[in-house]
C-alpha cells in the first residue's frame, strides 16, 4: 500500500486508515465539526433570571396590594435567611434538605446533624 493515501468513496478495509474523518456501514464522509460555545452555569442562570424579571416585572408590579416582584424577592430573602439549626449552628439554606409540609409551614432537616426545623412556607411567586 502506498504512503500517499487518497480519499475513498467507501472504506472497504476499516483497519486501513482512510483520509475521511467518519466511516460507518453506509460509507465514509468528511464531516465538519462545529462546537457550541460553552457558558458557565451561573452565567446561564443569571441571564435567565434577568430575562424573567424583564419579561414579567411590569405585569407583576402592577398588582398594588402585594408589592410586586420587589416584595417577592424581599420575602424570599427573609425566608432563606430564616433557616437555623439549634444543634450545630448551620444557618444557610444550602445546609438543609426539605422533608415535608405541615399545617404551620415546612419541615426541613440539617444535612449535618439531621435535626429538624420548621420554617414558614416558601413565598409563592404567583401571589405577587
N, C-alpha and C. Protein backbone atom coordinates (compact mmCIF):
# COMPACT_ATOMS: atom_id res chain seq x y z
N UNK A 1 0.84 -1.17 0.00
CA UNK A 1 0.00 0.00 0.00
C UNK A 1 0.89 1.24 0.00
N UNK A 2 0.53 2.23 -0.77
CA UNK A 2 1.37 3.43 -0.86
C UNK A 2 1.14 4.33 0.34
N UNK A 3 2.13 5.16 0.65
CA UNK A 3 2.03 6.10 1.77
C UNK A 3 1.11 7.26 1.43
N UNK A 4 0.97 7.61 0.16
CA UNK A 4 0.13 8.72 -0.28
C UNK A 4 -1.29 8.21 -0.44
N UNK A 5 -2.13 8.38 0.58
CA UNK A 5 -3.50 7.88 0.54
C UNK A 5 -4.42 8.90 -0.11
N UNK A 6 -5.40 8.42 -0.81
CA UNK A 6 -6.41 9.27 -1.43
C UNK A 6 -7.75 8.95 -0.77
N UNK A 7 -8.66 9.91 -0.70
CA UNK A 7 -9.96 9.64 -0.08
C UNK A 7 -10.70 8.53 -0.80
N UNK A 8 -11.36 7.67 -0.03
CA UNK A 8 -12.12 6.57 -0.61
C UNK A 8 -13.59 6.95 -0.65
N UNK A 9 -14.33 6.38 -1.53
CA UNK A 9 -15.77 6.56 -1.56
C UNK A 9 -16.43 5.67 -0.52
N UNK A 10 -15.79 4.53 -0.20
CA UNK A 10 -16.29 3.61 0.81
C UNK A 10 -15.09 2.91 1.42
N UNK A 11 -15.10 2.76 2.72
CA UNK A 11 -13.97 2.17 3.42
C UNK A 11 -14.09 0.66 3.36
N UNK A 12 -13.47 0.02 2.39
CA UNK A 12 -13.57 -1.42 2.22
C UNK A 12 -12.78 -2.15 3.29
N UNK A 13 -11.75 -1.54 3.82
CA UNK A 13 -10.93 -2.15 4.86
C UNK A 13 -10.91 -1.20 6.06
N UNK A 14 -11.82 -1.41 7.02
CA UNK A 14 -11.87 -0.50 8.16
C UNK A 14 -10.56 -0.40 8.93
N UNK A 15 -9.74 -1.45 8.90
CA UNK A 15 -8.46 -1.41 9.61
C UNK A 15 -7.51 -0.39 8.99
N UNK A 16 -7.61 -0.24 7.68
CA UNK A 16 -6.74 0.74 7.00
C UNK A 16 -7.27 2.13 7.31
N UNK A 17 -6.39 3.05 7.53
CA UNK A 17 -6.82 4.41 7.87
C UNK A 17 -7.08 5.18 6.59
N UNK A 18 -8.33 5.47 6.33
CA UNK A 18 -8.65 6.29 5.16
C UNK A 18 -8.54 7.75 5.55
N UNK A 19 -8.61 8.65 4.58
CA UNK A 19 -8.42 10.07 4.87
C UNK A 19 -9.72 10.77 5.25
N UNK A 20 -10.83 10.05 5.22
CA UNK A 20 -12.10 10.64 5.64
C UNK A 20 -12.14 10.69 7.17
N UNK A 21 -12.94 11.59 7.72
CA UNK A 21 -12.97 11.68 9.18
C UNK A 21 -14.15 10.95 9.82
N UNK A 22 -15.00 10.28 9.01
CA UNK A 22 -16.08 9.49 9.56
C UNK A 22 -16.42 8.35 8.62
N UNK A 23 -16.42 7.12 9.15
CA UNK A 23 -16.78 5.94 8.36
C UNK A 23 -17.78 5.11 9.13
N UNK A 24 -18.79 4.61 8.45
CA UNK A 24 -19.70 3.65 9.05
C UNK A 24 -20.18 2.69 7.98
N UNK A 25 -21.22 1.90 8.31
CA UNK A 25 -21.67 0.89 7.33
C UNK A 25 -22.24 1.51 6.07
N UNK A 26 -22.57 2.79 6.11
CA UNK A 26 -23.10 3.47 4.93
C UNK A 26 -22.02 4.12 4.08
N UNK A 27 -20.79 4.10 4.55
CA UNK A 27 -19.70 4.68 3.78
C UNK A 27 -18.90 5.67 4.59
N UNK A 28 -18.03 6.40 3.90
CA UNK A 28 -17.15 7.37 4.54
C UNK A 28 -17.52 8.78 4.10
N UNK A 29 -17.27 9.73 4.95
CA UNK A 29 -17.54 11.12 4.59
C UNK A 29 -16.69 12.05 5.45
N UNK A 30 -16.50 13.24 4.94
CA UNK A 30 -15.81 14.27 5.72
C UNK A 30 -16.88 15.12 6.38
N UNK A 31 -16.89 15.11 7.69
CA UNK A 31 -17.86 15.91 8.44
C UNK A 31 -17.16 17.11 9.04
N UNK A 32 -17.83 18.23 8.95
CA UNK A 32 -17.31 19.42 9.60
C UNK A 32 -17.90 19.48 11.00
N UNK A 33 -17.03 19.61 12.00
CA UNK A 33 -17.50 19.67 13.39
C UNK A 33 -17.55 21.12 13.84
N UNK A 34 -18.69 21.49 14.38
CA UNK A 34 -18.88 22.83 14.90
C UNK A 34 -19.28 22.70 16.36
N UNK A 35 -18.53 23.33 17.23
CA UNK A 35 -18.81 23.24 18.65
C UNK A 35 -19.51 24.50 19.12
N UNK A 36 -20.55 24.32 19.93
CA UNK A 36 -21.25 25.47 20.50
C UNK A 36 -20.38 26.07 21.60
N UNK A 37 -20.43 27.39 21.74
CA UNK A 37 -19.64 28.00 22.81
C UNK A 37 -20.19 27.57 24.17
N UNK A 38 -19.32 27.29 25.10
CA UNK A 38 -19.73 26.85 26.43
C UNK A 38 -19.98 28.05 27.33
N UNK A 39 -21.07 27.98 28.07
CA UNK A 39 -21.38 29.02 29.04
C UNK A 39 -21.31 28.38 30.42
N UNK A 40 -20.89 29.14 31.37
CA UNK A 40 -20.89 28.59 32.72
C UNK A 40 -22.34 28.55 33.21
N UNK A 41 -22.62 27.67 34.15
CA UNK A 41 -23.97 27.51 34.66
C UNK A 41 -24.47 28.79 35.34
N UNK A 42 -23.59 29.48 36.04
CA UNK A 42 -24.02 30.70 36.73
C UNK A 42 -24.38 31.80 35.74
N UNK A 43 -23.64 31.90 34.63
CA UNK A 43 -23.98 32.90 33.62
C UNK A 43 -25.35 32.61 33.03
N UNK A 44 -25.63 31.32 32.79
CA UNK A 44 -26.90 30.91 32.20
C UNK A 44 -28.04 31.22 33.16
N UNK A 45 -27.87 30.93 34.45
CA UNK A 45 -28.92 31.16 35.43
C UNK A 45 -29.18 32.65 35.59
N UNK A 46 -28.12 33.45 35.67
CA UNK A 46 -28.32 34.89 35.85
C UNK A 46 -28.96 35.51 34.60
N UNK A 47 -28.61 35.02 33.44
CA UNK A 47 -29.22 35.54 32.21
C UNK A 47 -30.70 35.20 32.17
N UNK A 48 -31.06 33.97 32.59
CA UNK A 48 -32.47 33.59 32.61
C UNK A 48 -33.23 34.40 33.66
N UNK A 49 -32.60 34.67 34.81
CA UNK A 49 -33.26 35.46 35.85
C UNK A 49 -33.51 36.88 35.37
N UNK A 50 -32.52 37.47 34.71
CA UNK A 50 -32.70 38.83 34.18
C UNK A 50 -33.80 38.86 33.13
N UNK A 51 -33.84 37.83 32.29
CA UNK A 51 -34.88 37.76 31.26
C UNK A 51 -36.26 37.64 31.92
N UNK A 52 -36.36 36.82 32.97
CA UNK A 52 -37.62 36.64 33.68
C UNK A 52 -38.10 37.97 34.27
N UNK A 53 -37.20 38.68 34.95
CA UNK A 53 -37.57 39.96 35.57
C UNK A 53 -37.98 40.96 34.50
N UNK A 54 -37.21 41.01 33.40
CA UNK A 54 -37.52 41.95 32.33
C UNK A 54 -38.88 41.64 31.71
N UNK A 55 -39.20 40.35 31.59
CA UNK A 55 -40.43 39.94 30.94
C UNK A 55 -41.65 40.11 31.85
N UNK A 56 -41.51 39.78 33.13
CA UNK A 56 -42.68 39.72 34.00
C UNK A 56 -42.80 40.86 35.01
N UNK A 57 -41.76 41.65 35.19
CA UNK A 57 -41.83 42.71 36.20
C UNK A 57 -42.97 43.69 35.94
N UNK A 58 -43.18 44.16 34.70
CA UNK A 58 -44.29 45.10 34.50
C UNK A 58 -45.64 44.48 34.89
N UNK A 59 -45.83 43.20 34.62
CA UNK A 59 -47.10 42.55 34.93
C UNK A 59 -47.24 42.36 36.44
N UNK A 60 -46.20 41.85 37.08
CA UNK A 60 -46.27 41.55 38.50
C UNK A 60 -46.32 42.82 39.32
N UNK A 61 -45.55 43.83 38.96
CA UNK A 61 -45.50 45.07 39.74
C UNK A 61 -46.81 45.84 39.70
N UNK A 62 -47.68 45.52 38.74
CA UNK A 62 -48.92 46.26 38.62
C UNK A 62 -49.92 45.90 39.71
N UNK A 63 -49.72 44.78 40.41
CA UNK A 63 -50.64 44.41 41.48
C UNK A 63 -50.28 45.22 42.73
N UNK A 64 -51.09 46.22 43.02
CA UNK A 64 -50.78 47.19 44.06
C UNK A 64 -50.84 46.61 45.47
N UNK A 65 -51.72 45.60 45.71
CA UNK A 65 -51.91 45.12 47.06
C UNK A 65 -50.77 44.23 47.57
N UNK A 66 -49.95 43.66 46.72
CA UNK A 66 -48.91 42.74 47.17
C UNK A 66 -47.51 43.35 47.13
N UNK A 67 -47.27 44.37 46.35
CA UNK A 67 -45.95 44.98 46.31
C UNK A 67 -45.11 44.54 45.13
N UNK A 68 -45.58 43.62 44.33
CA UNK A 68 -44.88 43.24 43.11
C UNK A 68 -43.67 42.37 43.33
N UNK A 69 -42.85 42.30 42.28
CA UNK A 69 -41.69 41.40 42.26
C UNK A 69 -40.66 41.79 43.31
N UNK A 70 -40.52 43.08 43.59
CA UNK A 70 -39.55 43.52 44.60
C UNK A 70 -39.93 42.97 45.97
N UNK A 71 -41.21 42.99 46.29
CA UNK A 71 -41.70 42.45 47.56
C UNK A 71 -41.48 40.94 47.61
N UNK A 72 -41.71 40.26 46.48
CA UNK A 72 -41.48 38.81 46.42
C UNK A 72 -40.02 38.48 46.73
N UNK A 73 -39.09 39.18 46.08
CA UNK A 73 -37.67 38.91 46.33
C UNK A 73 -37.29 39.24 47.77
N UNK A 74 -37.89 40.27 48.34
CA UNK A 74 -37.63 40.62 49.73
C UNK A 74 -38.13 39.51 50.66
N UNK A 75 -39.36 39.02 50.41
CA UNK A 75 -39.91 37.93 51.23
C UNK A 75 -39.12 36.64 51.05
N UNK A 76 -38.68 36.36 49.82
CA UNK A 76 -37.88 35.16 49.56
C UNK A 76 -36.55 35.23 50.30
N UNK A 77 -35.94 36.41 50.31
CA UNK A 77 -34.68 36.59 51.02
C UNK A 77 -34.87 36.38 52.53
N UNK A 78 -35.96 36.92 53.09
CA UNK A 78 -36.26 36.72 54.51
C UNK A 78 -36.45 35.24 54.81
N UNK A 79 -37.18 34.55 53.94
CA UNK A 79 -37.44 33.12 54.14
C UNK A 79 -36.12 32.33 54.11
N UNK A 80 -35.25 32.62 53.13
CA UNK A 80 -33.98 31.90 53.03
C UNK A 80 -33.09 32.16 54.24
N UNK A 81 -33.18 33.36 54.83
CA UNK A 81 -32.36 33.69 56.00
C UNK A 81 -32.99 33.22 57.32
N UNK A 82 -34.17 32.59 57.26
CA UNK A 82 -34.83 32.12 58.48
C UNK A 82 -34.35 30.75 58.92
N UNK A 83 -33.51 30.10 58.15
CA UNK A 83 -33.03 28.76 58.50
C UNK A 83 -31.94 28.86 59.57
N UNK A 84 -32.10 28.04 60.61
CA UNK A 84 -31.09 27.98 61.66
C UNK A 84 -31.22 26.65 62.38
N UNK A 85 -30.10 25.98 62.61
CA UNK A 85 -30.09 24.72 63.33
C UNK A 85 -29.62 24.97 64.76
N UNK A 86 -30.48 24.67 65.74
CA UNK A 86 -30.12 24.87 67.14
C UNK A 86 -29.03 23.91 67.60
N UNK A 87 -28.92 22.78 66.94
CA UNK A 87 -27.97 21.75 67.35
C UNK A 87 -26.54 22.09 66.94
N UNK A 88 -26.33 22.39 65.66
CA UNK A 88 -24.95 22.61 65.18
C UNK A 88 -24.68 24.03 64.69
N UNK A 89 -25.70 24.87 64.61
CA UNK A 89 -25.48 26.27 64.25
C UNK A 89 -25.49 26.57 62.75
N UNK A 90 -25.84 25.61 61.91
CA UNK A 90 -25.92 25.86 60.46
C UNK A 90 -26.99 26.92 60.21
N UNK A 91 -26.70 27.85 59.31
CA UNK A 91 -27.68 28.91 59.07
C UNK A 91 -27.86 29.27 57.60
N UNK A 92 -27.44 28.40 56.71
CA UNK A 92 -27.62 28.65 55.28
C UNK A 92 -28.62 27.64 54.73
N UNK A 93 -29.43 28.07 53.78
CA UNK A 93 -30.44 27.18 53.20
C UNK A 93 -29.78 25.96 52.54
N UNK A 94 -28.57 26.13 52.07
CA UNK A 94 -27.88 25.00 51.41
C UNK A 94 -27.45 23.93 52.40
N UNK A 95 -27.52 24.22 53.70
CA UNK A 95 -27.19 23.23 54.73
C UNK A 95 -28.40 22.39 55.12
N UNK A 96 -29.55 22.66 54.53
CA UNK A 96 -30.80 21.99 54.89
C UNK A 96 -31.40 21.27 53.69
N UNK A 97 -32.19 20.23 53.96
CA UNK A 97 -32.91 19.50 52.92
C UNK A 97 -34.39 19.46 53.31
N UNK A 98 -35.25 19.64 52.32
CA UNK A 98 -36.70 19.65 52.54
C UNK A 98 -37.20 18.27 52.92
N UNK A 99 -38.11 18.22 53.91
CA UNK A 99 -38.73 16.95 54.32
C UNK A 99 -40.20 16.90 53.94
N UNK A 100 -40.99 17.85 54.47
CA UNK A 100 -42.43 17.78 54.25
C UNK A 100 -43.07 19.13 54.60
N UNK A 101 -44.33 19.27 54.19
CA UNK A 101 -45.12 20.45 54.53
C UNK A 101 -46.07 20.08 55.66
N UNK A 102 -46.17 20.94 56.64
CA UNK A 102 -47.11 20.75 57.75
C UNK A 102 -48.04 21.96 57.80
N UNK A 103 -49.00 21.94 58.72
CA UNK A 103 -50.02 23.00 58.77
C UNK A 103 -49.43 24.39 58.95
N UNK A 104 -48.36 24.51 59.74
CA UNK A 104 -47.83 25.84 60.02
C UNK A 104 -46.54 26.16 59.27
N UNK A 105 -46.21 25.41 58.23
CA UNK A 105 -45.01 25.72 57.45
C UNK A 105 -44.40 24.49 56.80
N UNK A 106 -43.09 24.50 56.67
CA UNK A 106 -42.36 23.40 56.04
C UNK A 106 -41.33 22.85 57.02
N UNK A 107 -41.14 21.53 56.99
CA UNK A 107 -40.14 20.90 57.84
C UNK A 107 -38.92 20.59 56.98
N UNK A 108 -37.78 21.06 57.43
CA UNK A 108 -36.51 20.82 56.76
C UNK A 108 -35.58 20.17 57.79
N UNK A 109 -34.58 19.42 57.34
CA UNK A 109 -33.62 18.87 58.30
C UNK A 109 -32.21 19.31 57.91
N UNK A 110 -31.39 19.47 58.95
CA UNK A 110 -30.00 19.86 58.76
C UNK A 110 -29.25 18.68 58.13
N UNK A 111 -28.50 18.93 57.09
CA UNK A 111 -27.75 17.86 56.42
C UNK A 111 -26.62 17.33 57.28
N UNK A 112 -26.16 18.13 58.24
CA UNK A 112 -25.02 17.73 59.06
C UNK A 112 -25.42 16.90 60.26
N UNK A 113 -26.42 17.36 61.01
CA UNK A 113 -26.77 16.66 62.26
C UNK A 113 -28.18 16.05 62.22
N UNK A 114 -28.91 16.23 61.12
CA UNK A 114 -30.25 15.65 60.91
C UNK A 114 -31.33 16.22 61.83
N UNK A 115 -31.08 17.35 62.49
CA UNK A 115 -32.08 17.99 63.34
C UNK A 115 -33.13 18.65 62.45
N UNK A 116 -34.40 18.46 62.80
CA UNK A 116 -35.47 19.06 62.02
C UNK A 116 -35.74 20.48 62.50
N UNK A 117 -36.14 21.33 61.56
CA UNK A 117 -36.53 22.69 61.87
C UNK A 117 -37.75 23.05 61.03
N UNK A 118 -38.62 23.87 61.59
CA UNK A 118 -39.83 24.28 60.88
C UNK A 118 -39.65 25.73 60.44
N UNK A 119 -39.93 25.97 59.19
CA UNK A 119 -39.88 27.34 58.67
C UNK A 119 -41.27 27.70 58.16
N UNK A 120 -41.47 28.96 57.89
CA UNK A 120 -42.71 29.37 57.24
C UNK A 120 -42.73 28.81 55.82
N UNK A 121 -43.88 28.88 55.17
CA UNK A 121 -43.96 28.42 53.80
C UNK A 121 -43.14 29.32 52.88
N UNK A 122 -42.51 28.73 51.90
CA UNK A 122 -41.73 29.50 50.92
C UNK A 122 -42.69 30.42 50.17
N UNK A 123 -42.31 31.67 49.96
CA UNK A 123 -43.19 32.59 49.22
C UNK A 123 -43.50 32.05 47.83
N UNK A 124 -44.74 32.16 47.43
CA UNK A 124 -45.18 31.68 46.12
C UNK A 124 -45.20 32.87 45.16
N UNK A 125 -44.39 32.79 44.11
CA UNK A 125 -44.28 33.93 43.17
C UNK A 125 -45.58 34.23 42.46
N UNK A 126 -46.48 33.27 42.39
CA UNK A 126 -47.76 33.51 41.71
C UNK A 126 -48.67 34.47 42.49
N UNK A 127 -48.40 34.65 43.76
CA UNK A 127 -49.23 35.51 44.59
C UNK A 127 -48.77 36.96 44.58
N UNK A 128 -47.70 37.27 43.89
CA UNK A 128 -47.17 38.63 43.90
C UNK A 128 -47.47 39.35 42.61
